[in-house]
Amino acid sequence: MLEHIIHTNYPKDVMTTNQDRRKAYEDLMSQAGYPAITYEVNYDTPMEEKKAIFARLFDEHPEVDGIFADNDTNAGLIIQVAKARGRRVPKDLKVVGFDGADGTRILFPELTTVQQSIDQMAAVAVNLLEQQIAGQTNVESVTLPVTLLEGTTG
């Protein structure tokens, strides 16, 4: 059973839907009686800086046994840094990404990730936009289902 799970996410002052993921992670960790540790990483941070942040994560938390990355790119970088430090994924460390886009699935099919339905997101967005243009709705948020794609990293 995992006991030392860390999350990566945008800084708190960057308002995106990623903050909902962060809140869910923090709530679940609190309910389970574990500390909620989040490393903040902007999406557009250069790769080498991201790797340095992830190296610091392993330096500061050598006990980490699970990481929930805010996106698949960061999950891949975390796995690279972990392997360079002798960590075995998934034996020593489980890593789960978020997105599950087709490009990731082609390039990194072994990644365990939470997949969003891009087609469904687009259809709902167009529908809501059409309704707003017609003055029929003022919906601020819609929650759509996701799917866990089980690879070998988590």
N, C-alpha and C. Protein backbone atom coordinates (compact mmCIF):
# COMPACT_ATOMS: atom_id res chain seq x y z
N MET A 1 0.84 -1.19 0.00
CA MET A 1 0.00 0.00 0.00
C MET A 1 0.88 1.25 0.00
N LEU A 2 0.51 2.20 -0.81
CA LEU A 2 1.27 3.45 -0.88
C LEU A 2 0.99 4.30 0.35
N GLU A 3 2.04 4.93 0.87
CA GLU A 3 1.89 5.77 2.05
C GLU A 3 2.47 7.17 1.87
N HIS A 4 3.31 7.35 0.87
CA HIS A 4 3.99 8.63 0.67
C HIS A 4 3.75 9.10 -0.77
N ILE A 5 2.58 9.68 -0.97
CA ILE A 5 2.16 10.08 -2.31
C ILE A 5 2.32 11.59 -2.45
N ILE A 6 2.98 11.99 -3.51
CA ILE A 6 3.20 13.40 -3.79
C ILE A 6 2.49 13.74 -5.10
N HIS A 7 2.03 14.99 -5.16
CA HIS A 7 1.31 15.48 -6.34
C HIS A 7 2.11 16.62 -6.97
N THR A 8 2.07 16.72 -8.29
CA THR A 8 2.62 17.90 -8.96
C THR A 8 1.45 18.67 -9.56
N ASN A 9 1.54 19.99 -9.51
CA ASN A 9 0.45 20.80 -10.03
C ASN A 9 0.95 22.21 -10.29
N TYR A 10 0.12 22.99 -10.97
CA TYR A 10 0.42 24.40 -11.18
C TYR A 10 0.50 25.10 -9.82
N PRO A 11 1.18 26.23 -9.77
CA PRO A 11 1.13 27.05 -8.54
C PRO A 11 -0.31 27.42 -8.22
N LYS A 12 -0.60 27.61 -6.93
CA LYS A 12 -1.98 27.90 -6.51
C LYS A 12 -2.54 29.17 -7.13
N ASP A 13 -1.68 30.12 -7.48
CA ASP A 13 -2.19 31.38 -8.02
C ASP A 13 -2.52 31.29 -9.52
N VAL A 14 -2.25 30.16 -10.15
CA VAL A 14 -2.62 29.96 -11.56
C VAL A 14 -3.97 29.25 -11.56
N MET A 15 -4.99 29.97 -11.91
CA MET A 15 -6.35 29.44 -11.83
C MET A 15 -6.69 28.63 -13.07
N THR A 16 -6.63 27.32 -12.92
CA THR A 16 -7.02 26.40 -13.99
C THR A 16 -7.81 25.27 -13.35
N THR A 17 -8.35 24.40 -14.18
CA THR A 17 -9.07 23.24 -13.64
C THR A 17 -8.12 22.29 -12.91
N ASN A 18 -6.82 22.45 -13.12
CA ASN A 18 -5.85 21.65 -12.36
C ASN A 18 -6.03 21.85 -10.86
N GLN A 19 -6.50 23.01 -10.47
CA GLN A 19 -6.67 23.28 -9.04
C GLN A 19 -7.75 22.38 -8.43
N ASP A 20 -8.72 21.95 -9.25
CA ASP A 20 -9.71 21.00 -8.76
C ASP A 20 -9.05 19.65 -8.46
N ARG A 21 -8.11 19.24 -9.32
CA ARG A 21 -7.35 18.01 -9.09
C ARG A 21 -6.56 18.12 -7.80
N ARG A 22 -5.93 19.26 -7.62
CA ARG A 22 -5.13 19.49 -6.42
C ARG A 22 -6.01 19.38 -5.17
N LYS A 23 -7.18 20.02 -5.20
CA LYS A 23 -8.08 19.97 -4.05
C LYS A 23 -8.53 18.54 -3.77
N ALA A 24 -8.86 17.80 -4.82
CA ALA A 24 -9.28 16.40 -4.63
C ALA A 24 -8.16 15.58 -4.01
N TYR A 25 -6.93 15.77 -4.50
CA TYR A 25 -5.77 15.08 -3.92
C TYR A 25 -5.62 15.44 -2.45
N GLU A 26 -5.66 16.74 -2.14
CA GLU A 26 -5.48 17.17 -0.76
C GLU A 26 -6.58 16.63 0.15
N ASP A 27 -7.82 16.65 -0.34
CA ASP A 27 -8.94 16.13 0.44
C ASP A 27 -8.79 14.63 0.72
N LEU A 28 -8.42 13.86 -0.32
CA LEU A 28 -8.26 12.42 -0.15
C LEU A 28 -7.12 12.08 0.81
N MET A 29 -6.02 12.80 0.67
CA MET A 29 -4.88 12.55 1.56
C MET A 29 -5.26 12.88 3.01
N SER A 30 -5.96 13.97 3.20
CA SER A 30 -6.39 14.37 4.55
C SER A 30 -7.33 13.32 5.14
N GLN A 31 -8.28 12.86 4.34
CA GLN A 31 -9.23 11.84 4.81
C GLN A 31 -8.51 10.55 5.21
N ALA A 32 -7.43 10.23 4.49
CA ALA A 32 -6.67 9.01 4.78
C ALA A 32 -5.65 9.21 5.89
N GLY A 33 -5.50 10.45 6.37
CA GLY A 33 -4.57 10.73 7.46
C GLY A 33 -3.12 10.88 7.01
N TYR A 34 -2.92 11.22 5.74
CA TYR A 34 -1.57 11.39 5.20
C TYR A 34 -1.34 12.87 4.86
N PRO A 35 -0.10 13.29 4.89
CA PRO A 35 0.17 14.68 4.48
C PRO A 35 -0.03 14.84 2.98
N ALA A 36 -0.53 16.01 2.61
CA ALA A 36 -0.73 16.34 1.19
C ALA A 36 0.43 17.23 0.76
N ILE A 37 1.34 16.66 -0.02
CA ILE A 37 2.52 17.39 -0.47
C ILE A 37 2.39 17.62 -1.97
N THR A 38 2.43 18.89 -2.37
CA THR A 38 2.33 19.23 -3.78
C THR A 38 3.54 20.04 -4.19
N TYR A 39 4.18 19.61 -5.26
CA TYR A 39 5.27 20.36 -5.87
C TYR A 39 4.69 21.16 -7.01
N GLU A 40 4.92 22.46 -6.98
CA GLU A 40 4.33 23.35 -7.98
C GLU A 40 5.25 23.50 -9.18
N VAL A 41 4.66 23.27 -10.36
CA VAL A 41 5.39 23.34 -11.62
C VAL A 41 4.48 23.94 -12.68
N ASN A 42 4.89 25.05 -13.26
CA ASN A 42 4.13 25.61 -14.38
C ASN A 42 4.29 24.72 -15.60
N TYR A 43 3.27 24.64 -16.42
CA TYR A 43 3.33 23.81 -17.61
C TYR A 43 4.44 24.25 -18.55
N ASP A 44 4.63 25.56 -18.66
CA ASP A 44 5.61 26.06 -19.62
C ASP A 44 7.02 26.23 -19.04
N THR A 45 7.26 25.70 -17.85
CA THR A 45 8.61 25.71 -17.29
C THR A 45 9.51 24.87 -18.19
N PRO A 46 10.71 25.35 -18.52
CA PRO A 46 11.61 24.56 -19.36
C PRO A 46 11.89 23.17 -18.77
N MET A 47 12.08 22.19 -19.64
CA MET A 47 12.25 20.80 -19.23
C MET A 47 13.37 20.62 -18.20
N GLU A 48 14.50 21.27 -18.40
CA GLU A 48 15.61 21.10 -17.46
C GLU A 48 15.26 21.63 -16.08
N GLU A 49 14.49 22.72 -16.03
CA GLU A 49 14.05 23.25 -14.73
C GLU A 49 13.06 22.28 -14.07
N LYS A 50 12.18 21.70 -14.88
CA LYS A 50 11.24 20.71 -14.34
C LYS A 50 12.01 19.53 -13.75
N LYS A 51 13.01 19.05 -14.50
CA LYS A 51 13.79 17.92 -14.00
C LYS A 51 14.48 18.28 -12.69
N ALA A 52 14.95 19.52 -12.55
CA ALA A 52 15.59 19.96 -11.31
C ALA A 52 14.58 19.97 -10.17
N ILE A 53 13.35 20.40 -10.44
CA ILE A 53 12.30 20.38 -9.41
C ILE A 53 12.02 18.94 -8.99
N PHE A 54 11.95 18.03 -9.97
CA PHE A 54 11.65 16.63 -9.65
C PHE A 54 12.82 15.98 -8.92
N ALA A 55 14.05 16.37 -9.25
CA ALA A 55 15.22 15.87 -8.51
C ALA A 55 15.14 16.33 -7.07
N ARG A 56 14.76 17.60 -6.86
CA ARG A 56 14.60 18.12 -5.50
C ARG A 56 13.52 17.36 -4.75
N LEU A 57 12.44 17.00 -5.45
CA LEU A 57 11.37 16.21 -4.85
C LEU A 57 11.95 14.92 -4.25
N PHE A 58 12.78 14.23 -5.03
CA PHE A 58 13.37 12.97 -4.55
C PHE A 58 14.39 13.22 -3.44
N ASP A 59 15.12 14.34 -3.51
CA ASP A 59 16.07 14.67 -2.44
C ASP A 59 15.34 14.95 -1.13
N GLU A 60 14.26 15.71 -1.22
CA GLU A 60 13.53 16.12 -0.02
C GLU A 60 12.60 15.03 0.51
N HIS A 61 12.22 14.10 -0.34
CA HIS A 61 11.28 13.04 0.06
C HIS A 61 11.74 11.69 -0.47
N PRO A 62 12.85 11.17 0.03
CA PRO A 62 13.34 9.87 -0.46
C PRO A 62 12.35 8.73 -0.19
N GLU A 63 11.41 8.96 0.72
CA GLU A 63 10.43 7.94 1.07
C GLU A 63 9.26 7.87 0.08
N VAL A 64 9.19 8.80 -0.86
CA VAL A 64 8.06 8.83 -1.78
C VAL A 64 7.91 7.49 -2.49
N ASP A 65 6.66 6.99 -2.49
CA ASP A 65 6.39 5.72 -3.19
C ASP A 65 5.30 5.86 -4.23
N GLY A 66 4.73 7.05 -4.35
CA GLY A 66 3.73 7.29 -5.37
C GLY A 66 3.70 8.76 -5.76
N ILE A 67 3.53 9.01 -7.06
CA ILE A 67 3.42 10.39 -7.54
C ILE A 67 2.24 10.46 -8.50
N PHE A 68 1.35 11.42 -8.23
CA PHE A 68 0.26 11.73 -9.14
C PHE A 68 0.63 13.03 -9.83
N ALA A 69 1.05 12.92 -11.08
CA ALA A 69 1.49 14.08 -11.85
C ALA A 69 0.28 14.79 -12.47
N ASP A 70 0.39 16.09 -12.58
CA ASP A 70 -0.72 16.87 -13.12
C ASP A 70 -0.88 16.72 -14.62
N ASN A 71 0.10 16.15 -15.29
CA ASN A 71 -0.05 15.89 -16.72
C ASN A 71 0.92 14.76 -17.11
N ASP A 72 0.70 14.22 -18.28
CA ASP A 72 1.50 13.08 -18.74
C ASP A 72 2.94 13.45 -19.03
N THR A 73 3.18 14.67 -19.49
CA THR A 73 4.55 15.11 -19.76
C THR A 73 5.36 15.10 -18.47
N ASN A 74 4.79 15.67 -17.42
CA ASN A 74 5.50 15.67 -16.14
C ASN A 74 5.68 14.26 -15.60
N ALA A 75 4.69 13.40 -15.81
CA ALA A 75 4.82 12.01 -15.36
C ALA A 75 6.02 11.36 -16.04
N GLY A 76 6.17 11.59 -17.34
CA GLY A 76 7.30 11.03 -18.08
C GLY A 76 8.63 11.56 -17.57
N LEU A 77 8.70 12.86 -17.30
CA LEU A 77 9.93 13.45 -16.77
C LEU A 77 10.25 12.91 -15.38
N ILE A 78 9.23 12.75 -14.56
CA ILE A 78 9.43 12.20 -13.22
C ILE A 78 10.01 10.79 -13.31
N ILE A 79 9.49 9.99 -14.22
CA ILE A 79 10.00 8.63 -14.40
C ILE A 79 11.45 8.66 -14.85
N GLN A 80 11.80 9.57 -15.76
CA GLN A 80 13.20 9.70 -16.19
C GLN A 80 14.12 10.02 -15.01
N VAL A 81 13.72 10.99 -14.20
CA VAL A 81 14.53 11.40 -13.05
C VAL A 81 14.62 10.25 -12.05
N ALA A 82 13.51 9.58 -11.81
CA ALA A 82 13.49 8.47 -10.87
C ALA A 82 14.43 7.35 -11.31
N LYS A 83 14.37 6.98 -12.57
CA LYS A 83 15.22 5.91 -13.08
C LYS A 83 16.69 6.30 -13.02
N ALA A 84 17.00 7.56 -13.30
CA ALA A 84 18.39 8.03 -13.22
C ALA A 84 18.91 7.95 -11.79
N ARG A 85 18.02 7.94 -10.82
CA ARG A 85 18.39 7.85 -9.41
C ARG A 85 18.27 6.41 -8.88
N GLY A 86 18.08 5.47 -9.79
CA GLY A 86 18.02 4.07 -9.38
C GLY A 86 16.68 3.60 -8.88
N ARG A 87 15.64 4.43 -9.01
CA ARG A 87 14.31 4.02 -8.59
C ARG A 87 13.69 3.15 -9.67
N ARG A 88 13.05 2.08 -9.27
CA ARG A 88 12.42 1.16 -10.20
C ARG A 88 10.91 1.43 -10.25
N VAL A 89 10.44 1.76 -11.44
CA VAL A 89 9.02 2.02 -11.65
C VAL A 89 8.42 0.79 -12.33
N PRO A 90 7.44 0.15 -11.77
CA PRO A 90 6.61 0.54 -10.64
C PRO A 90 6.99 -0.14 -9.31
N LYS A 91 8.07 -0.89 -9.26
CA LYS A 91 8.38 -1.64 -8.03
C LYS A 91 8.63 -0.72 -6.83
N ASP A 92 9.47 0.31 -6.99
CA ASP A 92 9.80 1.23 -5.90
C ASP A 92 8.92 2.47 -5.89
N LEU A 93 8.41 2.81 -7.05
CA LEU A 93 7.69 4.06 -7.21
C LEU A 93 6.60 3.88 -8.25
N LYS A 94 5.39 4.26 -7.89
CA LYS A 94 4.28 4.24 -8.83
C LYS A 94 4.04 5.67 -9.30
N VAL A 95 3.82 5.82 -10.61
CA VAL A 95 3.60 7.14 -11.20
C VAL A 95 2.35 7.08 -12.06
N VAL A 96 1.45 8.04 -11.82
CA VAL A 96 0.22 8.16 -12.60
C VAL A 96 0.17 9.57 -13.18
N GLY A 97 -0.12 9.65 -14.46
CA GLY A 97 -0.24 10.94 -15.13
C GLY A 97 -1.69 11.35 -15.24
N PHE A 98 -1.90 12.44 -15.96
CA PHE A 98 -3.26 12.92 -16.22
C PHE A 98 -3.32 13.49 -17.61
N ASP A 99 -4.18 13.01 -18.41
CA ASP A 99 -4.52 13.51 -19.73
C ASP A 99 -4.88 12.35 -20.65
N GLY A 100 -3.91 11.46 -20.91
CA GLY A 100 -4.20 10.32 -21.75
C GLY A 100 -4.46 10.68 -23.21
N ALA A 101 -3.86 11.77 -23.66
CA ALA A 101 -4.03 12.18 -25.06
C ALA A 101 -3.46 11.13 -26.00
N ASP A 102 -3.95 11.13 -27.22
CA ASP A 102 -3.51 10.14 -28.20
C ASP A 102 -1.99 10.14 -28.39
N GLY A 103 -1.39 11.33 -28.45
CA GLY A 103 0.06 11.42 -28.63
C GLY A 103 0.82 10.73 -27.52
N THR A 104 0.38 10.92 -26.30
CA THR A 104 1.02 10.26 -25.17
C THR A 104 0.83 8.75 -25.26
N ARG A 105 -0.35 8.32 -25.60
CA ARG A 105 -0.65 6.89 -25.67
C ARG A 105 0.22 6.21 -26.74
N ILE A 106 0.54 6.93 -27.80
CA ILE A 106 1.38 6.37 -28.87
C ILE A 106 2.84 6.33 -28.43
N LEU A 107 3.33 7.44 -27.83
CA LEU A 107 4.74 7.55 -27.47
C LEU A 107 5.10 6.87 -26.15
N PHE A 108 4.12 6.77 -25.25
CA PHE A 108 4.40 6.26 -23.91
C PHE A 108 3.24 5.39 -23.43
N PRO A 109 2.96 4.29 -24.16
CA PRO A 109 1.77 3.50 -23.87
C PRO A 109 1.79 2.83 -22.50
N GLU A 110 2.98 2.68 -21.89
CA GLU A 110 3.05 2.02 -20.59
C GLU A 110 2.66 2.93 -19.44
N LEU A 111 2.47 4.23 -19.69
CA LEU A 111 2.12 5.16 -18.62
C LEU A 111 0.70 4.92 -18.13
N THR A 112 0.56 4.75 -16.83
CA THR A 112 -0.76 4.72 -16.21
C THR A 112 -1.22 6.17 -16.13
N THR A 113 -2.41 6.46 -16.62
CA THR A 113 -2.87 7.84 -16.68
C THR A 113 -4.38 7.92 -16.56
N VAL A 114 -4.83 9.07 -16.10
CA VAL A 114 -6.26 9.37 -16.07
C VAL A 114 -6.57 10.09 -17.37
N GLN A 115 -7.41 9.46 -18.18
CA GLN A 115 -7.70 9.99 -19.52
C GLN A 115 -8.96 10.84 -19.53
N GLN A 116 -8.82 12.01 -20.12
CA GLN A 116 -9.97 12.87 -20.37
C GLN A 116 -10.48 12.57 -21.77
N SER A 117 -11.77 12.69 -21.97
CA SER A 117 -12.33 12.51 -23.32
C SER A 117 -12.32 13.85 -24.03
N ILE A 118 -11.31 14.06 -24.86
CA ILE A 118 -11.18 15.33 -25.59
C ILE A 118 -12.39 15.55 -26.50
N ASP A 119 -12.85 14.50 -27.15
CA ASP A 119 -14.01 14.63 -28.04
C ASP A 119 -15.25 15.07 -27.25
N GLN A 120 -15.45 14.47 -26.09
CA GLN A 120 -16.61 14.82 -25.27
C GLN A 120 -16.47 16.25 -24.73
N MET A 121 -15.25 16.62 -24.32
CA MET A 121 -15.01 17.97 -23.85
C MET A 121 -15.33 18.99 -24.93
N ALA A 122 -14.90 18.71 -26.14
CA ALA A 122 -15.14 19.63 -27.26
C ALA A 122 -16.63 19.75 -27.55
N ALA A 123 -17.33 18.63 -27.56
CA ALA A 123 -18.77 18.64 -27.85
C ALA A 123 -19.53 19.43 -26.79
N VAL A 124 -19.21 19.23 -25.54
CA VAL A 124 -19.88 19.96 -24.46
C VAL A 124 -19.56 21.44 -24.54
N ALA A 125 -18.29 21.77 -24.83
CA ALA A 125 -17.89 23.18 -24.93
C ALA A 125 -18.66 23.89 -26.05
N VAL A 126 -18.77 23.24 -27.20
CA VAL A 126 -19.50 23.84 -28.32
C VAL A 126 -20.97 24.01 -27.95
N ASN A 127 -21.56 23.00 -27.34
CA ASN A 127 -22.96 23.06 -26.93
C ASN A 127 -23.19 24.20 -25.95
N LEU A 128 -22.33 24.33 -24.95
CA LEU A 128 -22.48 25.41 -23.97
C LEU A 128 -22.30 26.78 -24.61
N LEU A 129 -21.35 26.88 -25.51
CA LEU A 129 -21.13 28.16 -26.20
C LEU A 129 -22.36 28.55 -27.01
N GLU A 130 -22.93 27.59 -27.73
CA GLU A 130 -24.13 27.85 -28.50
C GLU A 130 -25.27 28.30 -27.59
N GLN A 131 -25.40 27.65 -26.43
CA GLN A 131 -26.46 28.02 -25.49
C GLN A 131 -26.23 29.43 -24.92
N GLN A 132 -24.97 29.75 -24.63
CA GLN A 132 -24.66 31.08 -24.11
C GLN A 132 -24.93 32.16 -25.16
N ILE A 133 -24.57 31.89 -26.39
CA ILE A 133 -24.83 32.85 -27.47
C ILE A 133 -26.33 33.10 -27.60
N ALA A 134 -27.11 32.05 -27.42
CA ALA A 134 -28.57 32.16 -27.51
C ALA A 134 -29.18 32.69 -26.21
N GLY A 135 -28.34 32.95 -25.19
CA GLY A 135 -28.84 33.47 -23.92
C GLY A 135 -29.58 32.45 -23.08
N GLN A 136 -29.30 31.18 -23.30
CA GLN A 136 -30.05 30.12 -22.63
C GLN A 136 -29.36 29.53 -21.41
N THR A 137 -28.12 29.88 -21.15
CA THR A 137 -27.45 29.27 -20.00
C THR A 137 -26.34 30.19 -19.51
N ASN A 138 -25.98 29.99 -18.27
CA ASN A 138 -24.82 30.68 -17.70
C ASN A 138 -24.01 29.70 -16.86
N VAL A 139 -23.87 28.49 -17.36
CA VAL A 139 -23.13 27.43 -16.68
C VAL A 139 -21.66 27.82 -16.60
N GLU A 140 -21.10 27.73 -15.40
CA GLU A 140 -19.69 28.07 -15.21
C GLU A 140 -18.77 26.86 -15.28
N SER A 141 -19.31 25.69 -14.97
CA SER A 141 -18.45 24.51 -14.90
C SER A 141 -19.26 23.26 -15.21
N VAL A 142 -18.61 22.32 -15.88
CA VAL A 142 -19.21 21.02 -16.17
C VAL A 142 -18.17 19.97 -15.82
N THR A 143 -18.60 18.94 -15.13
CA THR A 143 -17.71 17.84 -14.78
C THR A 143 -18.02 16.67 -15.69
N LEU A 144 -17.00 16.17 -16.36
CA LEU A 144 -17.16 15.03 -17.26
C LEU A 144 -16.43 13.83 -16.68
N PRO A 145 -16.85 12.64 -17.05
CA PRO A 145 -16.18 11.44 -16.54
C PRO A 145 -14.78 11.27 -17.13
N VAL A 146 -13.93 10.59 -16.39
CA VAL A 146 -12.60 10.26 -16.85
C VAL A 146 -12.44 8.75 -16.78
N THR A 147 -11.37 8.25 -17.39
CA THR A 147 -11.11 6.81 -17.41
C THR A 147 -9.67 6.58 -16.97
N LEU A 148 -9.48 5.61 -16.10
CA LEU A 148 -8.12 5.23 -15.72
C LEU A 148 -7.59 4.25 -16.76
N LEU A 149 -6.51 4.65 -17.42
CA LEU A 149 -5.84 3.75 -18.37
C LEU A 149 -4.68 3.12 -17.63
N GLU A 150 -4.80 1.85 -17.34
CA GLU A 150 -3.79 1.18 -16.54
C GLU A 150 -2.63 0.72 -17.41
N GLY A 151 -1.49 1.33 -17.18
CA GLY A 151 -0.26 0.91 -17.83
C GLY A 151 0.58 0.14 -16.81
N THR A 152 1.87 0.22 -16.95
CA THR A 152 2.74 -0.52 -16.03
C THR A 152 3.44 0.39 -15.03
N THR A 153 3.13 1.69 -15.05
CA THR A 153 3.85 2.61 -14.16
C THR A 153 3.13 2.86 -12.85
N GLY A 154 1.89 2.45 -12.76
CA GLY A 154 1.13 2.74 -11.54
C GLY A 154 0.53 1.52 -11.01
